[in-house]
């Protein structure tokens, strides 16, 4: 599976600056068209829930935003949906945090998900990144590949449990929509659990980001 890429804010701002510089050398009509495209792109990215990142193999095939008409609790939740007839997989809503508060611990990622999938699947995922080149340990990874969410489902809680090795540096987690449809997610949690809680993941690896998860109930 292709790993979700991280959105680089500086790169994004740099792209907008480059677009504005180009406008000085084109016709007024062309400049107006380009400005509208750039504004639409900014508006699209600002719909992403606070503290979260949206990324996709083909970003124009999906969208994400806060939905106040659906919720598991509180006043709102986040939704991810395809917006073309034949979406190219996948759309992804994710966070990336520093692993320092969880190194050596067993953690459980939980989330409530509702789905209306016409074709394809929805999968929660968690990936532990770190520096393991010098020894035999690897990071943990679970993407629900063996138990995906299919079709139309009501709100249901899903759990993913992984063990963080000693050299863990980052934790990436999120929700993917692979195919056509719409999915909702709410009340996400990331917590330490005991060794008696069975692991659900397989091992893999990668790199690091911020220190704590944000806006897990999508109320901000």
Protein backbone atom coordinates (compact mmCIF):
# COMPACT_ATOMS: atom_id res chain seq x y z
CA UNK A 1 0.00 0.00 0.00
CA UNK A 2 1.28 3.46 -0.82
CA UNK A 3 1.98 5.30 2.43
CA UNK A 4 0.10 8.60 2.95
CA UNK A 5 2.37 11.60 2.30
CA UNK A 6 2.56 14.52 4.72
CA UNK A 7 1.35 17.92 3.57
CA UNK A 8 4.13 20.52 3.80
CA UNK A 9 2.64 23.94 4.65
CA UNK A 10 5.70 25.85 3.44
CA UNK A 11 5.59 24.06 0.10
CA UNK A 12 1.90 24.91 -0.24
CA UNK A 13 2.49 28.62 0.55
CA UNK A 14 5.42 28.66 -1.84
CA UNK A 15 3.19 27.29 -4.59
CA UNK A 16 0.63 30.06 -4.03
CA UNK A 17 3.41 32.69 -4.14
CA UNK A 18 4.68 31.27 -7.42
CA UNK A 19 1.15 31.45 -8.86
CA UNK A 20 0.79 35.12 -7.85
CA UNK A 21 4.14 35.96 -9.50
CA UNK A 22 3.04 34.29 -12.73
CA UNK A 23 -0.13 36.40 -12.88
CA UNK A 24 1.92 39.51 -13.72
CA UNK A 25 2.86 38.01 -17.07
CA UNK A 26 -0.53 36.78 -18.34
CA UNK A 27 -3.63 38.45 -19.81
CA UNK A 28 -6.30 39.86 -17.41
CA UNK A 29 -8.76 37.11 -18.39
CA UNK A 30 -6.18 34.39 -17.84
CA UNK A 31 -5.08 36.03 -14.56
CA UNK A 32 -8.68 36.11 -13.32
CA UNK A 33 -9.13 32.43 -14.17
CA UNK A 34 -5.88 31.46 -12.44
CA UNK A 35 -6.78 33.54 -9.37
CA UNK A 36 -10.14 31.76 -9.09
CA UNK A 37 -8.42 28.37 -9.35
CA UNK A 38 -5.93 29.32 -6.63
CA UNK A 39 -8.72 30.63 -4.36
CA UNK A 40 -10.71 27.43 -4.86
CA UNK A 41 -7.65 25.38 -3.96
CA UNK A 42 -7.12 27.38 -0.74
CA UNK A 43 -10.83 27.11 0.14
CA UNK A 44 -10.70 23.34 -0.40
CA UNK A 45 -7.73 22.91 1.92
CA UNK A 46 -9.24 25.11 4.69
CA UNK A 47 -12.18 22.68 5.02
CA UNK A 48 -9.85 20.11 6.58
CA UNK A 49 -10.66 19.71 10.31
CA UNK A 50 -8.34 21.59 12.66
CA UNK A 51 -5.30 19.53 13.68
CA UNK A 52 -5.79 17.07 10.81
CA UNK A 53 -4.30 16.71 7.32
CA UNK A 54 -6.00 15.71 4.11
CA UNK A 55 -4.00 13.85 1.48
CA UNK A 56 -4.87 11.57 -1.41
CA UNK A 57 -3.29 9.80 -4.32
CA UNK A 58 -5.43 12.15 -6.47
CA UNK A 59 -6.61 14.97 -4.16
CA UNK A 60 -9.28 16.27 -6.55
CA UNK A 61 -11.16 12.94 -6.36
CA UNK A 62 -12.06 13.35 -2.66
CA UNK A 63 -12.89 16.00 -0.09
CA UNK A 64 -13.09 16.25 3.69
CA UNK A 65 -14.85 18.69 6.02
CA UNK A 66 -16.65 19.04 9.35
CA UNK A 67 -20.23 17.74 9.10
CA UNK A 68 -22.76 19.20 11.56
CA UNK A 69 -25.63 17.10 10.19
CA UNK A 70 -24.01 13.85 11.41
CA UNK A 71 -22.31 12.99 14.71
CA UNK A 72 -21.66 10.18 17.14
CA UNK A 73 -21.56 12.67 20.03
CA UNK A 74 -21.29 16.42 20.49
CA UNK A 75 -22.31 18.73 17.65
CA UNK A 76 -20.26 17.51 14.69
CA UNK A 77 -17.96 14.93 13.18
CA UNK A 78 -15.55 14.75 10.24
CA UNK A 79 -16.46 13.27 6.89
CA UNK A 80 -14.46 12.05 3.91
CA UNK A 81 -16.12 11.44 0.56
CA UNK A 82 -15.45 10.87 -3.10
CA UNK A 83 -16.60 13.64 -5.47
CA UNK A 84 -16.07 12.08 -8.91
CA UNK A 85 -17.74 9.14 -10.65
CA UNK A 86 -14.62 6.99 -10.66
CA UNK A 87 -12.40 8.07 -7.75
CA UNK A 88 -8.83 6.89 -7.87
CA UNK A 89 -7.82 5.46 -4.51
CA UNK A 90 -7.38 6.72 -1.94
CA UNK A 91 -8.63 9.71 0.13
CA UNK A 92 -7.08 10.06 3.57
CA UNK A 93 -7.67 12.10 6.75
CA UNK A 94 -4.73 11.82 9.13
CA UNK A 95 -2.52 13.18 11.92
CA UNK A 96 1.18 12.77 12.62
CA UNK A 97 2.54 13.19 16.17
CA UNK A 98 5.79 12.76 18.04
CA UNK A 99 6.06 9.32 19.65
CA UNK A 100 7.99 10.48 22.75
CA UNK A 101 5.02 10.10 25.12
CA UNK A 102 4.36 6.54 23.97
CA UNK A 103 7.81 4.94 23.40
CA UNK A 104 7.92 1.38 24.73
CA UNK A 105 4.18 1.38 25.41
CA UNK A 106 1.26 -0.49 23.90
CA UNK A 107 -1.32 1.92 22.48
CA UNK A 108 -4.87 1.62 21.20
CA UNK A 109 -6.29 3.81 18.46
CA UNK A 110 -10.09 3.87 18.67
CA UNK A 111 -12.65 5.69 16.53
CA UNK A 112 -16.35 5.63 15.81
CA UNK A 113 -17.08 5.31 12.09
CA UNK A 114 -20.23 5.40 9.97
CA UNK A 115 -20.14 4.47 6.29
CA UNK A 116 -22.09 4.73 3.05
CA UNK A 117 -19.74 3.04 0.59
CA UNK A 118 -20.86 2.24 -2.95
CA UNK A 119 -17.66 0.45 -3.93
CA UNK A 120 -14.39 -0.10 -2.12
CA UNK A 121 -13.61 0.06 1.59
CA UNK A 122 -12.94 2.34 4.54
CA UNK A 123 -9.96 1.55 6.78
CA UNK A 124 -8.57 3.11 9.93
CA UNK A 125 -4.79 2.86 10.15
CA UNK A 126 -1.85 3.51 12.47
CA UNK A 127 1.85 3.43 11.64
CA UNK A 128 4.81 3.70 14.03
CA UNK A 129 7.95 5.31 12.58
CA UNK A 130 11.46 5.26 13.99
CA UNK A 131 15.19 4.67 13.64
CA UNK A 132 15.73 0.94 13.34
CA UNK A 133 18.41 0.73 10.64
CA UNK A 134 21.07 -0.46 13.09
CA UNK A 135 19.14 -3.36 14.62
CA UNK A 136 16.52 -5.95 13.81
CA UNK A 137 13.46 -4.21 15.28
CA UNK A 138 10.77 -2.72 13.08
CA UNK A 139 7.85 -0.36 13.73
CA UNK A 140 4.24 -1.38 14.09
CA UNK A 141 1.60 -0.99 11.39
CA UNK A 142 -2.10 -1.84 11.12
CA UNK A 143 -4.43 -0.61 8.38
CA UNK A 144 -7.40 -2.94 8.93
CA UNK A 145 -6.55 -4.64 5.66
CA UNK A 146 -7.80 -7.92 7.12
CA UNK A 147 -11.06 -6.41 8.45
CA UNK A 148 -12.09 -3.40 6.29
CA UNK A 149 -15.37 -1.50 6.62
CA UNK A 150 -17.70 -2.19 3.67
CA UNK A 151 -21.08 -0.98 2.44
CA UNK A 152 -23.60 0.92 4.59
CA UNK A 153 -22.97 0.79 8.33
CA UNK A 154 -24.23 2.73 11.34
CA UNK A 155 -21.91 4.20 13.96
CA UNK A 156 -19.55 1.52 15.25
CA UNK A 157 -16.37 1.62 17.32
CA UNK A 158 -13.17 0.17 15.85
CA UNK A 159 -9.89 -0.51 17.71
CA UNK A 160 -6.30 -0.86 16.48
CA UNK A 161 -3.60 -1.91 18.97
CA UNK A 162 0.16 -1.67 18.36
CA UNK A 163 3.36 -1.89 20.41
CA UNK A 164 5.94 0.93 20.12
CA UNK A 165 9.58 -0.21 19.96
CA UNK A 166 12.30 1.61 21.95
CA UNK A 167 13.48 3.75 19.02
CA UNK A 168 10.05 4.97 17.90
CA UNK A 169 10.02 8.60 16.72
CA UNK A 170 6.57 9.25 15.27
CA UNK A 171 2.98 8.02 15.13
CA UNK A 172 0.85 8.46 12.02
CA UNK A 173 -2.84 7.57 12.17
CA UNK A 174 -6.01 8.26 10.25
CA UNK A 175 -8.85 7.02 8.10
CA UNK A 176 -8.78 6.08 4.40
CA UNK A 177 -11.61 5.84 1.91
CA UNK A 178 -10.56 3.55 -0.92
CA UNK A 179 -13.20 3.89 -3.62
CA UNK A 180 -16.60 5.56 -4.03
CA UNK A 181 -18.82 6.70 -1.18
CA UNK A 182 -18.77 8.67 2.04
CA UNK A 183 -17.57 7.90 5.56
CA UNK A 184 -17.87 9.75 8.86
CA UNK A 185 -15.53 9.58 11.87
CA UNK A 186 -15.91 10.89 15.43
CA UNK A 187 -14.61 10.51 18.98
CA UNK A 188 -11.12 9.33 18.10
CA UNK A 189 -8.83 8.35 20.98
CA UNK A 190 -5.20 7.29 21.32
CA UNK A 191 -4.39 5.75 24.70
CA UNK A 192 -1.96 3.46 26.48
CA UNK A 193 -3.26 -0.03 27.22
CA UNK A 194 -1.92 -3.01 29.14
CA UNK A 195 0.03 -5.93 27.74
CA UNK A 196 -3.11 -8.05 28.16
CA UNK A 197 -4.77 -6.21 25.25
CA UNK A 198 -4.02 -8.19 22.04
CA UNK A 199 -2.08 -6.53 19.22
CA UNK A 200 -3.96 -6.00 15.95
CA UNK A 201 -1.12 -4.74 13.73
CA UNK A 202 1.77 -5.97 11.63
CA UNK A 203 5.27 -4.53 11.61
CA UNK A 204 6.66 -1.81 9.24
CA UNK A 205 8.42 1.70 9.51
CA UNK A 206 8.97 5.54 8.53
CA UNK A 207 9.62 9.29 10.38
CA UNK A 208 8.24 12.05 12.95
CA UNK A 209 5.98 15.31 13.65
CA UNK A 210 3.94 17.18 16.51
CA UNK A 211 3.67 16.12 20.20
CA UNK A 212 0.01 15.36 20.96
CA UNK A 213 -3.14 14.49 18.98
CA UNK A 214 -5.55 17.39 18.33
CA UNK A 215 -9.31 17.94 17.99
CA UNK A 216 -10.15 14.25 18.34
CA UNK A 217 -13.89 14.91 18.83
CA UNK A 218 -13.99 17.40 15.87
CA UNK A 219 -15.63 20.12 18.02
CA UNK A 220 -12.94 22.81 17.45
